[in-house]
Amino acid sequence: MSKPTSKQVEVQIMGQSYLLACPVGGESALLDAVERVDTAMCRIRDAGKVKARDRIAVLASLNLAFELSQREADSFQASSFGSEASHLSDAEDTDPAVQARVDDLIRRLDSTLGVDGQLL
């Protein structure tokens, strides 16, 4: 007999129970996602401006999707900058003074961005 590829997990979002299908081994990721959704929805509900659960869910979904797209854009920009910088540092005909300035700029950016990679 084959092993099941998914299981059901009961979760709570804004005090309401939901039974969700989840890939075996993906429970932790699902619970993290539920936590994010619950937090986003409760934050909107607690602000008091929106009462309907379906509207709260739509607003929370839009907020989370926007945050995800911002992270993806930031990640893309960082990787693009990194690849451009590596092209500069790999170039054989780069002026040593320019190379030194680029290296210094990269060090300063890394220091400013800190551990979380965010400027602000």
PDB file of N, CA and C in Angstrom:
ATOM      1  N   MET A   1       0.839  -1.173   0.000  1.00  0.00           N
ATOM      2  CA  MET A   1       0.000   0.000   0.000  1.00  0.00           C
ATOM      3  C   MET A   1       0.893   1.249   0.000  1.00  0.00           C
ATOM      4  N   SER A   2       0.556   2.261  -0.790  1.00  0.00           N
ATOM      5  CA  SER A   2       1.388   3.462  -0.880  1.00  0.00           C
ATOM      6  C   SER A   2       1.083   4.419   0.273  1.00  0.00           C
ATOM      7  N   LYS A   3       2.085   5.208   0.602  1.00  0.00           N
ATOM      8  CA  LYS A   3       1.925   6.191   1.666  1.00  0.00           C
ATOM      9  C   LYS A   3       1.082   7.350   1.154  1.00  0.00           C
ATOM     10  N   PRO A   4       0.273   7.955   2.030  1.00  0.00           N
ATOM     11  CA  PRO A   4      -0.505   9.119   1.596  1.00  0.00           C
ATOM     12  C   PRO A   4       0.429  10.294   1.293  1.00  0.00           C
ATOM     13  N   THR A   5       0.072  11.065   0.286  1.00  0.00           N
ATOM     14  CA  THR A   5       0.901  12.212  -0.093  1.00  0.00           C
ATOM     15  C   THR A   5       0.457  13.492   0.597  1.00  0.00           C
ATOM     16  N   SER A   6      -0.736  13.451   1.205  1.00  0.00           N
ATOM     17  CA  SER A   6      -1.191  14.627   1.939  1.00  0.00           C
ATOM     18  C   SER A   6      -1.944  14.192   3.188  1.00  0.00           C
ATOM     19  N   LYS A   7      -2.073  15.138   4.087  1.00  0.00           N
ATOM     20  CA  LYS A   7      -2.824  14.888   5.312  1.00  0.00           C
ATOM     21  C   LYS A   7      -3.673  16.103   5.603  1.00  0.00           C
ATOM     22  N   GLN A   8      -4.622  15.952   6.506  1.00  0.00           N
ATOM     23  CA  GLN A   8      -5.469  17.073   6.881  1.00  0.00           C
ATOM     24  C   GLN A   8      -4.988  17.649   8.210  1.00  0.00           C
ATOM     25  N   VAL A   9      -4.957  18.974   8.245  1.00  0.00           N
ATOM     26  CA  VAL A   9      -4.514  19.679   9.445  1.00  0.00           C
ATOM     27  C   VAL A   9      -5.612  20.671   9.824  1.00  0.00           C
ATOM     28  N   GLU A  10      -6.003  20.648  11.086  1.00  0.00           N
ATOM     29  CA  GLU A  10      -7.005  21.600  11.565  1.00  0.00           C
ATOM     30  C   GLU A  10      -6.291  22.833  12.100  1.00  0.00           C
ATOM     31  N   VAL A  11      -6.722  24.005  11.637  1.00  0.00           N
ATOM     32  CA  VAL A  11      -6.105  25.266  12.055  1.00  0.00           C
ATOM     33  C   VAL A  11      -7.199  26.245  12.466  1.00  0.00           C
ATOM     34  N   GLN A  12      -6.792  27.303  13.146  1.00  0.00           N
ATOM     35  CA  GLN A  12      -7.699  28.374  13.556  1.00  0.00           C
ATOM     36  C   GLN A  12      -7.247  29.678  12.899  1.00  0.00           C
ATOM     37  N   ILE A  13      -8.175  30.339  12.252  1.00  0.00           N
ATOM     38  CA  ILE A  13      -7.911  31.660  11.693  1.00  0.00           C
ATOM     39  C   ILE A  13      -9.029  32.575  12.169  1.00  0.00           C
ATOM     40  N   MET A  14      -8.666  33.619  12.855  1.00  0.00           N
ATOM     41  CA  MET A  14      -9.625  34.560  13.455  1.00  0.00           C
ATOM     42  C   MET A  14     -10.699  33.827  14.255  1.00  0.00           C
ATOM     43  N   GLY A  15     -10.263  32.802  15.011  1.00  0.00           N
ATOM     44  CA  GLY A  15     -11.175  32.088  15.880  1.00  0.00           C
ATOM     45  C   GLY A  15     -12.059  31.059  15.194  1.00  0.00           C
ATOM     46  N   GLN A  16     -11.919  30.889  13.902  1.00  0.00           N
ATOM     47  CA  GLN A  16     -12.727  29.911  13.177  1.00  0.00           C
ATOM     48  C   GLN A  16     -11.844  28.742  12.744  1.00  0.00           C
ATOM     49  N   SER A  17     -12.361  27.532  12.892  1.00  0.00           N
ATOM     50  CA  SER A  17     -11.608  26.330  12.532  1.00  0.00           C
ATOM     51  C   SER A  17     -11.712  26.049  11.040  1.00  0.00           C
ATOM     52  N   TYR A  18     -10.587  25.617  10.486  1.00  0.00           N
ATOM     53  CA  TYR A  18     -10.524  25.194   9.090  1.00  0.00           C
ATOM     54  C   TYR A  18      -9.759  23.882   9.030  1.00  0.00           C
ATOM     55  N   LEU A  19     -10.223  22.961   8.202  1.00  0.00           N
ATOM     56  CA  LEU A  19      -9.538  21.706   7.975  1.00  0.00           C
ATOM     57  C   LEU A  19      -8.875  21.819   6.606  1.00  0.00           C
ATOM     58  N   LEU A  20      -7.537  21.833   6.590  1.00  0.00           N
ATOM     59  CA  LEU A  20      -6.790  22.071   5.365  1.00  0.00           C
ATOM     60  C   LEU A  20      -5.991  20.844   4.963  1.00  0.00           C
ATOM     61  N   ALA A  21      -5.890  20.613   3.656  1.00  0.00           N
ATOM     62  CA  ALA A  21      -5.029  19.554   3.151  1.00  0.00           C
ATOM     63  C   ALA A  21      -3.610  20.091   3.103  1.00  0.00           C
ATOM     64  N   CYS A  22      -2.673  19.210   3.430  1.00  0.00           N
ATOM     65  CA  CYS A  22      -1.277  19.625   3.510  1.00  0.00           C
ATOM     66  C   CYS A  22      -0.403  18.462   3.059  1.00  0.00           C
ATOM     67  N   PRO A  23       0.637  18.723   2.245  1.00  0.00           N
ATOM     68  CA  PRO A  23       1.554  17.641   1.892  1.00  0.00           C
ATOM     69  C   PRO A  23       2.234  17.094   3.145  1.00  0.00           C
ATOM     70  N   VAL A  24       2.427  15.795   3.185  1.00  0.00           N
ATOM     71  CA  VAL A  24       3.125  15.185   4.314  1.00  0.00           C
ATOM     72  C   VAL A  24       4.510  15.826   4.419  1.00  0.00           C
ATOM     73  N   GLY A  25       4.853  16.279   5.621  1.00  0.00           N
ATOM     74  CA  GLY A  25       6.129  16.951   5.841  1.00  0.00           C
ATOM     75  C   GLY A  25       6.042  18.465   5.678  1.00  0.00           C
ATOM     76  N   GLY A  26       4.900  18.957   5.212  1.00  0.00           N
ATOM     77  CA  GLY A  26       4.751  20.400   4.998  1.00  0.00           C
ATOM     78  C   GLY A  26       3.967  21.094   6.084  1.00  0.00           C
ATOM     79  N   GLU A  27       3.748  20.405   7.189  1.00  0.00           N
ATOM     80  CA  GLU A  27       2.920  20.959   8.260  1.00  0.00           C
ATOM     81  C   GLU A  27       3.498  22.253   8.824  1.00  0.00           C
ATOM     82  N   SER A  28       4.787  22.280   9.021  1.00  0.00           N
ATOM     83  CA  SER A  28       5.422  23.476   9.592  1.00  0.00           C
ATOM     84  C   SER A  28       5.239  24.693   8.683  1.00  0.00           C
ATOM     85  N   ALA A  29       5.444  24.499   7.394  1.00  0.00           N
ATOM     86  CA  ALA A  29       5.272  25.605   6.442  1.00  0.00           C
ATOM     87  C   ALA A  29       3.816  26.060   6.415  1.00  0.00           C
ATOM     88  N   LEU A  30       2.889  25.108   6.463  1.00  0.00           N
ATOM     89  CA  LEU A  30       1.466  25.464   6.471  1.00  0.00           C
ATOM     90  C   LEU A  30       1.129  26.252   7.732  1.00  0.00           C
ATOM     91  N   LEU A  31       1.612  25.802   8.879  1.00  0.00           N
ATOM     92  CA  LEU A  31       1.322  26.507  10.131  1.00  0.00           C
ATOM     93  C   LEU A  31       1.928  27.912  10.145  1.00  0.00           C
ATOM     94  N   ASP A  32       3.097  28.079   9.540  1.00  0.00           N
ATOM     95  CA  ASP A  32       3.692  29.417   9.411  1.00  0.00           C
ATOM     96  C   ASP A  32       2.797  30.312   8.551  1.00  0.00           C
ATOM     97  N   ALA A  33       2.292  29.760   7.453  1.00  0.00           N
ATOM     98  CA  ALA A  33       1.407  30.528   6.567  1.00  0.00           C
ATOM     99  C   ALA A  33       0.109  30.892   7.286  1.00  0.00           C
ATOM    100  N   VAL A  34      -0.451  29.940   8.032  1.00  0.00           N
ATOM    101  CA  VAL A  34      -1.678  30.198   8.791  1.00  0.00           C
ATOM    102  C   VAL A  34      -1.434  31.310   9.805  1.00  0.00           C
ATOM    103  N   GLU A  35      -0.286  31.277  10.460  1.00  0.00           N
ATOM    104  CA  GLU A  35       0.057  32.317  11.439  1.00  0.00           C
ATOM    105  C   GLU A  35       0.100  33.697  10.771  1.00  0.00           C
ATOM    106  N   ARG A  36       0.709  33.769   9.593  1.00  0.00           N
ATOM    107  CA  ARG A  36       0.781  35.055   8.880  1.00  0.00           C
ATOM    108  C   ARG A  36      -0.610  35.551   8.502  1.00  0.00           C
ATOM    109  N   VAL A  37      -1.433  34.646   7.982  1.00  0.00           N
ATOM    110  CA  VAL A  37      -2.785  35.031   7.567  1.00  0.00           C
ATOM    111  C   VAL A  37      -3.611  35.453   8.776  1.00  0.00           C
ATOM    112  N   ASP A  38      -3.546  34.668   9.845  1.00  0.00           N
ATOM    113  CA  ASP A  38      -4.299  34.996  11.052  1.00  0.00           C
ATOM    114  C   ASP A  38      -3.881  36.352  11.607  1.00  0.00           C
ATOM    115  N   THR A  39      -2.585  36.586  11.661  1.00  0.00           N
ATOM    116  CA  THR A  39      -2.081  37.871  12.169  1.00  0.00           C
ATOM    117  C   THR A  39      -2.561  39.030  11.295  1.00  0.00           C
ATOM    118  N   ALA A  40      -2.454  38.858   9.972  1.00  0.00           N
ATOM    119  CA  ALA A  40      -2.880  39.922   9.052  1.00  0.00           C
ATOM    120  C   ALA A  40      -4.374  40.194   9.184  1.00  0.00           C
ATOM    121  N   MET A  41      -5.173  39.135   9.259  1.00  0.00           N
ATOM    122  CA  MET A  41      -6.621  39.312   9.361  1.00  0.00           C
ATOM    123  C   MET A  41      -7.010  39.931  10.700  1.00  0.00           C
ATOM    124  N   CYS A  42      -6.400  39.476  11.785  1.00  0.00           N
ATOM    125  CA  CYS A  42      -6.717  40.042  13.103  1.00  0.00           C
ATOM    126  C   CYS A  42      -6.333  41.512  13.187  1.00  0.00           C
ATOM    127  N   ARG A  43      -5.208  41.864  12.560  1.00  0.00           N
ATOM    128  CA  ARG A  43      -4.774  43.259  12.561  1.00  0.00           C
ATOM    129  C   ARG A  43      -5.824  44.144  11.865  1.00  0.00           C
ATOM    130  N   ILE A  44      -6.348  43.680  10.743  1.00  0.00           N
ATOM    131  CA  ILE A  44      -7.371  44.442  10.018  1.00  0.00           C
ATOM    132  C   ILE A  44      -8.656  44.508  10.834  1.00  0.00           C
ATOM    133  N   ARG A  45      -9.078  43.379  11.397  1.00  0.00           N
ATOM    134  CA  ARG A  45     -10.291  43.340  12.227  1.00  0.00           C
ATOM    135  C   ARG A  45     -10.158  44.272  13.420  1.00  0.00           C
ATOM    136  N   ASP A  46      -9.004  44.220  14.084  1.00  0.00           N
ATOM    137  CA  ASP A  46      -8.804  45.015  15.293  1.00  0.00           C
ATOM    138  C   ASP A  46      -8.713  46.510  15.001  1.00  0.00           C
ATOM    139  N   ALA A  47      -8.385  46.876  13.773  1.00  0.00           N
ATOM    140  CA  ALA A  47      -8.372  48.294  13.404  1.00  0.00           C
ATOM    141  C   ALA A  47      -9.793  48.845  13.403  1.00  0.00           C
ATOM    142  N   GLY A  48     -10.795  47.962  13.280  1.00  0.00           N
ATOM    143  CA  GLY A  48     -12.189  48.358  13.429  1.00  0.00           C
ATOM    144  C   GLY A  48     -12.844  48.958  12.211  1.00  0.00           C
ATOM    145  N   LYS A  49     -12.130  49.092  11.111  1.00  0.00           N
ATOM    146  CA  LYS A  49     -12.713  49.733   9.940  1.00  0.00           C
ATOM    147  C   LYS A  49     -13.487  48.760   9.061  1.00  0.00           C
ATOM    148  N   VAL A  50     -13.152  47.470   9.131  1.00  0.00           N
ATOM    149  CA  VAL A  50     -13.799  46.454   8.304  1.00  0.00           C
ATOM    150  C   VAL A  50     -14.342  45.377   9.221  1.00  0.00           C
ATOM    151  N   LYS A  51     -15.595  45.012   9.034  1.00  0.00           N
ATOM    152  CA  LYS A  51     -16.232  44.026   9.905  1.00  0.00           C
ATOM    153  C   LYS A  51     -16.452  42.683   9.223  1.00  0.00           C
ATOM    154  N   ALA A  52     -16.739  42.673   7.926  1.00  0.00           N
ATOM    155  CA  ALA A  52     -17.088  41.438   7.222  1.00  0.00           C
ATOM    156  C   ALA A  52     -15.848  40.560   7.042  1.00  0.00           C
ATOM    157  N   ARG A  53     -15.982  39.295   7.444  1.00  0.00           N
ATOM    158  CA  ARG A  53     -14.864  38.349   7.382  1.00  0.00           C
ATOM    159  C   ARG A  53     -14.325  38.205   5.960  1.00  0.00           C
ATOM    160  N   ASP A  54     -15.204  38.169   4.961  1.00  0.00           N
ATOM    161  CA  ASP A  54     -14.729  37.998   3.583  1.00  0.00           C
ATOM    162  C   ASP A  54     -13.929  39.210   3.112  1.00  0.00           C
ATOM    163  N   ARG A  55     -14.344  40.395   3.501  1.00  0.00           N
ATOM    164  CA  ARG A  55     -13.586  41.603   3.133  1.00  0.00           C
ATOM    165  C   ARG A  55     -12.239  41.639   3.856  1.00  0.00           C
ATOM    166  N   ILE A  56     -12.234  41.233   5.106  1.00  0.00           N
ATOM    167  CA  ILE A  56     -10.981  41.160   5.861  1.00  0.00           C
ATOM    168  C   ILE A  56     -10.034  40.183   5.180  1.00  0.00           C
ATOM    169  N   ALA A  57     -10.554  39.035   4.743  1.00  0.00           N
ATOM    170  CA  ALA A  57      -9.726  38.029   4.071  1.00  0.00           C
ATOM    171  C   ALA A  57      -9.141  38.574   2.771  1.00  0.00           C
ATOM    172  N   VAL A  58      -9.952  39.294   2.000  1.00  0.00           N
ATOM    173  CA  VAL A  58      -9.459  39.866   0.737  1.00  0.00           C
ATOM    174  C   VAL A  58      -8.382  40.900   1.012  1.00  0.00           C
ATOM    175  N   LEU A  59      -8.603  41.785   1.969  1.00  0.00           N
ATOM    176  CA  LEU A  59      -7.604  42.810   2.292  1.00  0.00           C
ATOM    177  C   LEU A  59      -6.307  42.185   2.804  1.00  0.00           C
ATOM    178  N   ALA A  60      -6.425  41.193   3.668  1.00  0.00           N
ATOM    179  CA  ALA A  60      -5.235  40.518   4.185  1.00  0.00           C
ATOM    180  C   ALA A  60      -4.485  39.836   3.045  1.00  0.00           C
ATOM    181  N   SER A  61      -5.222  39.181   2.148  1.00  0.00           N
ATOM    182  CA  SER A  61      -4.583  38.516   1.001  1.00  0.00           C
ATOM    183  C   SER A  61      -3.842  39.519   0.134  1.00  0.00           C
ATOM    184  N   LEU A  62      -4.459  40.638  -0.123  1.00  0.00           N
ATOM    185  CA  LEU A  62      -3.808  41.673  -0.935  1.00  0.00           C
ATOM    186  C   LEU A  62      -2.562  42.218  -0.245  1.00  0.00           C
ATOM    187  N   ASN A  63      -2.660  42.455   1.061  1.00  0.00           N
ATOM    188  CA  ASN A  63      -1.498  42.944   1.809  1.00  0.00           C
ATOM    189  C   ASN A  63      -0.350  41.945   1.759  1.00  0.00           C
ATOM    190  N   LEU A  64      -0.659  40.663   1.978  1.00  0.00           N
ATOM    191  CA  LEU A  64       0.378  39.632   1.968  1.00  0.00           C
ATOM    192  C   LEU A  64       0.980  39.466   0.576  1.00  0.00           C
ATOM    193  N   ALA A  65       0.136  39.516  -0.465  1.00  0.00           N
ATOM    194  CA  ALA A  65       0.640  39.406  -1.837  1.00  0.00           C
ATOM    195  C   ALA A  65       1.539  40.587  -2.176  1.00  0.00           C
ATOM    196  N   PHE A  66       1.160  41.790  -1.721  1.00  0.00           N
ATOM    197  CA  PHE A  66       1.981  42.969  -1.969  1.00  0.00           C
ATOM    198  C   PHE A  66       3.336  42.844  -1.276  1.00  0.00           C
ATOM    199  N   GLU A  67       3.329  42.405  -0.010  1.00  0.00           N
ATOM    200  CA  GLU A  67       4.586  42.213   0.725  1.00  0.00           C
ATOM    201  C   GLU A  67       5.477  41.205   0.013  1.00  0.00           C
ATOM    202  N   LEU A  68       4.890  40.122  -0.475  1.00  0.00           N
ATOM    203  CA  LEU A  68       5.651  39.106  -1.191  1.00  0.00           C
ATOM    204  C   LEU A  68       6.240  39.667  -2.475  1.00  0.00           C
ATOM    205  N   SER A  69       5.449  40.434  -3.217  1.00  0.00           N
ATOM    206  CA  SER A  69       5.972  41.002  -4.466  1.00  0.00           C
ATOM    207  C   SER A  69       7.085  42.012  -4.189  1.00  0.00           C
ATOM    208  N   GLN A  70       6.981  42.750  -3.077  1.00  0.00           N
ATOM    209  CA  GLN A  70       8.047  43.691  -2.707  1.00  0.00           C
ATOM    210  C   GLN A  70       9.329  42.940  -2.367  1.00  0.00           C
ATOM    211  N   ARG A  71       9.199  41.844  -1.622  1.00  0.00           N
ATOM    212  CA  ARG A  71      10.382  41.044  -1.274  1.00  0.00           C
ATOM    213  C   ARG A  71      11.027  40.466  -2.527  1.00  0.00           C
ATOM    214  N   GLU A  72      10.187  39.976  -3.457  1.00  0.00           N
ATOM    215  CA  GLU A  72      10.724  39.416  -4.692  1.00  0.00           C
ATOM    216  C   GLU A  72      11.433  40.497  -5.506  1.00  0.00           C
ATOM    217  N   ALA A  73      10.845  41.690  -5.555  1.00  0.00           N
ATOM    218  CA  ALA A  73      11.462  42.793  -6.294  1.00  0.00           C
ATOM    219  C   ALA A  73      12.777  43.195  -5.637  1.00  0.00           C
ATOM    220  N   ASP A  74      12.787  43.277  -4.293  1.00  0.00           N
ATOM    221  CA  ASP A  74      14.017  43.624  -3.582  1.00  0.00           C
ATOM    222  C   ASP A  74      15.090  42.569  -3.814  1.00  0.00           C
ATOM    223  N   SER A  75      14.683  41.309  -3.787  1.00  0.00           N
ATOM    224  CA  SER A  75      15.624  40.210  -4.011  1.00  0.00           C
ATOM    225  C   SER A  75      16.184  40.265  -5.421  1.00  0.00           C
ATOM    226  N   PHE A  76      15.310  40.548  -6.394  1.00  0.00           N
ATOM    227  CA  PHE A  76      15.755  40.647  -7.789  1.00  0.00           C
ATOM    228  C   PHE A  76      16.734  41.801  -7.958  1.00  0.00           C
ATOM    229  N   GLN A  77      16.411  42.943  -7.350  1.00  0.00           N
ATOM    230  CA  GLN A  77      17.306  44.092  -7.454  1.00  0.00           C
ATOM    231  C   GLN A  77      18.644  43.794  -6.811  1.00  0.00           C
ATOM    232  N   ALA A  78      18.626  43.141  -5.671  1.00  0.00           N
ATOM    233  CA  ALA A  78      19.882  42.815  -4.984  1.00  0.00           C
ATOM    234  C   ALA A  78      20.704  41.851  -5.816  1.00  0.00           C
ATOM    235  N   SER A  79      20.064  40.845  -6.409  1.00  0.00           N
ATOM    236  CA  SER A  79      20.824  39.884  -7.211  1.00  0.00           C
ATOM    237  C   SER A  79      21.308  40.530  -8.496  1.00  0.00           C
ATOM    238  N   SER A  80      20.526  41.435  -9.072  1.00  0.00           N
ATOM    239  CA  SER A  80      20.964  42.135 -10.277  1.00  0.00           C
ATOM    240  C   SER A  80      22.160  43.019  -9.972  1.00  0.00           C
ATOM    241  N   PHE A  81      22.095  43.744  -8.826  1.00  0.00           N
ATOM    242  CA  PHE A  81      23.211  44.595  -8.450  1.00  0.00           C
ATOM    243  C   PHE A  81      24.446  43.757  -8.198  1.00  0.00           C
ATOM    244  N   GLY A  82      24.248  42.640  -7.512  1.00  0.00           N
ATOM    245  CA  GLY A  82      25.373  41.762  -7.217  1.00  0.00           C
ATOM    246  C   GLY A  82      26.022  41.236  -8.476  1.00  0.00           C
ATOM    247  N   SER A  83      25.223  40.857  -9.479  1.00  0.00           N
ATOM    248  CA  SER A  83      25.806  40.327 -10.707  1.00  0.00           C
ATOM    249  C   SER A  83      26.515  41.432 -11.481  1.00  0.00           C
ATOM    250  N   GLU A  84      25.945  42.649 -11.449  1.00  0.00           N
ATOM    251  CA  GLU A  84      26.631  43.757 -12.127  1.00  0.00           C
ATOM    252  C   GLU A  84      27.949  44.068 -11.423  1.00  0.00           C
ATOM    253  N   ALA A  85      27.933  44.060 -10.111  1.00  0.00           N
ATOM    254  CA  ALA A  85      29.153  44.341  -9.355  1.00  0.00           C
ATOM    255  C   ALA A  85      30.195  43.265  -9.617  1.00  0.00           C
ATOM    256  N   SER A  86      29.747  42.004  -9.714  1.00  0.00           N
ATOM    257  CA  SER A  86      30.725  40.946  -9.962  1.00  0.00           C
ATOM    258  C   SER A  86      31.292  41.070 -11.366  1.00  0.00           C
ATOM    259  N   HIS A  87      30.485  41.541 -12.330  1.00  0.00           N
ATOM    260  CA  HIS A  87      31.025  41.786 -13.664  1.00  0.00           C
ATOM    261  C   HIS A  87      32.098  42.862 -13.601  1.00  0.00           C
ATOM    262  N   LEU A  88      31.837  43.899 -12.792  1.00  0.00           N
ATOM    263  CA  LEU A  88      32.828  44.958 -12.656  1.00  0.00           C
ATOM    264  C   LEU A  88      34.103  44.428 -12.018  1.00  0.00           C
ATOM    265  N   SER A  89      33.949  43.615 -10.980  1.00  0.00           N
ATOM    266  CA  SER A  89      35.143  43.139 -10.298  1.00  0.00           C
ATOM    267  C   SER A  89      35.872  42.070 -11.101  1.00  0.00           C
ATOM    268  N   ASP A  90      35.173  41.409 -12.043  1.00  0.00           N
ATOM    269  CA  ASP A  90      35.815  40.394 -12.870  1.00  0.00           C
ATOM    270  C   ASP A  90      36.459  40.988 -14.128  1.00  0.00           C
ATOM    271  N   ALA A  91      36.103  42.222 -14.447  1.00  0.00           N
ATOM    272  CA  ALA A  91      36.599  42.798 -15.691  1.00  0.00           C
ATOM    273  C   ALA A  91      38.103  43.029 -15.599  1.00  0.00           C
ATOM    274  N   GLU A  92      38.805  42.549 -16.628  1.00  0.00           N
ATOM    275  CA  GLU A  92      40.263  42.677 -16.625  1.00  0.00           C
ATOM    276  C   GLU A  92      40.715  44.096 -16.941  1.00  0.00           C
ATOM    277  N   ASP A  93      39.911  44.812 -17.730  1.00  0.00           N
ATOM    278  CA  ASP A  93      40.337  46.143 -18.157  1.00  0.00           C
ATOM    279  C   ASP A  93      39.786  47.251 -17.258  1.00  0.00           C
ATOM    280  N   THR A  94      39.285  46.911 -16.078  1.00  0.00           N
ATOM    281  CA  THR A  94      38.769  47.915 -15.164  1.00  0.00           C
ATOM    282  C   THR A  94      39.929  48.691 -14.558  1.00  0.00           C
ATOM    283  N   ASP A  95      39.784  50.002 -14.561  1.00  0.00           N
ATOM    284  CA  ASP A  95      40.782  50.878 -13.958  1.00  0.00           C
ATOM    285  C   ASP A  95      40.893  50.543 -12.468  1.00  0.00           C
ATOM    286  N   PRO A  96      42.089  50.388 -11.934  1.00  0.00           N
ATOM    287  CA  PRO A  96      42.254  50.033 -10.514  1.00  0.00           C
ATOM    288  C   PRO A  96      41.587  51.024  -9.561  1.00  0.00           C
ATOM    289  N   ALA A  97      41.587  52.311  -9.917  1.00  0.00           N
ATOM    290  CA  ALA A  97      40.954  53.308  -9.055  1.00  0.00           C
ATOM    291  C   ALA A  97      39.439  53.104  -9.042  1.00  0.00           C
ATOM    292  N   VAL A  98      38.864  52.810 -10.204  1.00  0.00           N
ATOM    293  CA  VAL A  98      37.424  52.543 -10.295  1.00  0.00           C
ATOM    294  C   VAL A  98      37.089  51.269  -9.516  1.00  0.00           C
ATOM    295  N   GLN A  99      37.915  50.251  -9.695  1.00  0.00           N
ATOM    296  CA  GLN A  99      37.697  48.993  -8.986  1.00  0.00           C
ATOM    297  C   GLN A  99      37.736  49.192  -7.475  1.00  0.00           C
ATOM    298  N   ALA A 100      38.661  50.001  -6.999  1.00  0.00           N
ATOM    299  CA  ALA A 100      38.774  50.274  -5.562  1.00  0.00           C
ATOM    300  C   ALA A 100      37.523  50.990  -5.056  1.00  0.00           C
ATOM    301  N   ARG A 101      37.010  51.926  -5.856  1.00  0.00           N
ATOM    302  CA  ARG A 101      35.793  52.645  -5.452  1.00  0.00           C
ATOM    303  C   ARG A 101      34.586  51.716  -5.421  1.00  0.00           C
ATOM    304  N   VAL A 102      34.497  50.822  -6.419  1.00  0.00           N
ATOM    305  CA  VAL A 102      33.390  49.862  -6.453  1.00  0.00           C
ATOM    306  C   VAL A 102      33.470  48.934  -5.241  1.00  0.00           C
ATOM    307  N   ASP A 103      34.662  48.423  -4.954  1.00  0.00           N
ATOM    308  CA  ASP A 103      34.831  47.550  -3.795  1.00  0.00           C
ATOM    309  C   ASP A 103      34.461  48.265  -2.494  1.00  0.00           C
ATOM    310  N   ASP A 104      34.876  49.523  -2.365  1.00  0.00           N
ATOM    311  CA  ASP A 104      34.552  50.310  -1.177  1.00  0.00           C
ATOM    312  C   ASP A 104      33.043  50.523  -1.070  1.00  0.00           C
ATOM    313  N   LEU A 105      32.394  50.831  -2.199  1.00  0.00           N
ATOM    314  CA  LEU A 105      30.942  51.037  -2.209  1.00  0.00           C
ATOM    315  C   LEU A 105      30.217  49.760  -1.791  1.00  0.00           C
ATOM    316  N   ILE A 106      30.644  48.625  -2.290  1.00  0.00           N
ATOM    317  CA  ILE A 106      30.019  47.351  -1.931  1.00  0.00           C
ATOM    318  C   ILE A 106      30.194  47.084  -0.431  1.00  0.00           C
ATOM    319  N   ARG A 107      31.393  47.339   0.104  1.00  0.00           N
ATOM    320  CA  ARG A 107      31.617  47.157   1.540  1.00  0.00           C
ATOM    321  C   ARG A 107      30.710  48.077   2.366  1.00  0.00           C
ATOM    322  N   ARG A 108      30.593  49.340   1.940  1.00  0.00           N
ATOM    323  CA  ARG A 108      29.752  50.287   2.668  1.00  0.00           C
ATOM    324  C   ARG A 108      28.278  49.900   2.598  1.00  0.00           C
ATOM    325  N   LEU A 109      27.823  49.438   1.432  1.00  0.00           N
ATOM    326  CA  LEU A 109      26.436  48.989   1.305  1.00  0.00           C
ATOM    327  C   LEU A 109      26.173  47.783   2.190  1.00  0.00           C
ATOM    328  N   ASP A 110      27.071  46.815   2.169  1.00  0.00           N
ATOM    329  CA  ASP A 110      26.906  45.634   3.017  1.00  0.00           C
ATOM    330  C   ASP A 110      26.837  46.033   4.484  1.00  0.00           C
ATOM    331  N   SER A 111      27.689  46.961   4.904  1.00  0.00           N
ATOM    332  CA  SER A 111      27.702  47.411   6.283  1.00  0.00           C
ATOM    333  C   SER A 111      26.414  48.145   6.643  1.00  0.00           C
ATOM    334  N   THR A 112      25.930  49.005   5.737  1.00  0.00           N
ATOM    335  CA  THR A 112      24.731  49.765   5.983  1.00  0.00           C
ATOM    336  C   THR A 112      23.489  48.879   6.018  1.00  0.00           C
ATOM    337  N   LEU A 113      23.429  47.916   5.093  1.00  0.00           N
ATOM    338  CA  LEU A 113      22.278  47.040   5.035  1.00  0.00           C
ATOM    339  C   LEU A 113      22.206  46.121   6.239  1.00  0.00           C
ATOM    340  N   GLY A 114      23.338  45.770   6.798  1.00  0.00           N
ATOM    341  CA  GLY A 114      23.352  44.942   7.994  1.00  0.00           C
ATOM    342  C   GLY A 114      22.921  43.516   7.712  1.00  0.00           C
ATOM    343  N   VAL A 115      22.511  42.850   8.757  1.00  0.00           N
ATOM    344  CA  VAL A 115      22.204  41.428   8.696  1.00  0.00           C
ATOM    345  C   VAL A 115      20.938  41.149   7.902  1.00  0.00           C
ATOM    346  N   ASP A 116      19.888  41.981   8.049  1.00  0.00           N
ATOM    347  CA  ASP A 116      18.618  41.657   7.411  1.00  0.00           C
ATOM    348  C   ASP A 116      18.548  42.095   5.957  1.00  0.00           C
ATOM    349  N   GLY A 117      19.548  42.813   5.455  1.00  0.00           N
ATOM    350  CA  GLY A 117      19.575  43.183   4.046  1.00  0.00           C
ATOM    351  C   GLY A 117      18.616  44.296   3.683  1.00  0.00           C
ATOM    352  N   GLN A 118      18.110  45.032   4.672  1.00  0.00           N
ATOM    353  CA  GLN A 118      17.178  46.121   4.398  1.00  0.00           C
ATOM    354  C   GLN A 118      17.800  47.429   4.839  1.00  0.00           C
ATOM    355  N   LEU A 119      17.685  48.437   3.986  1.00  0.00           N
ATOM    356  CA  LEU A 119      18.272  49.733   4.275  1.00  0.00           C
ATOM    357  C   LEU A 119      17.535  50.439   5.399  1.00  0.00           C
ATOM    358  N   LEU A 120      16.222  50.362   5.425  1.00  0.00           N
ATOM    359  CA  LEU A 120      15.426  51.053   6.451  1.00  0.00           C
ATOM    360  C   LEU A 120      14.746  50.068   7.357  1.00  0.00           C
TER     361      LEU A 120
END
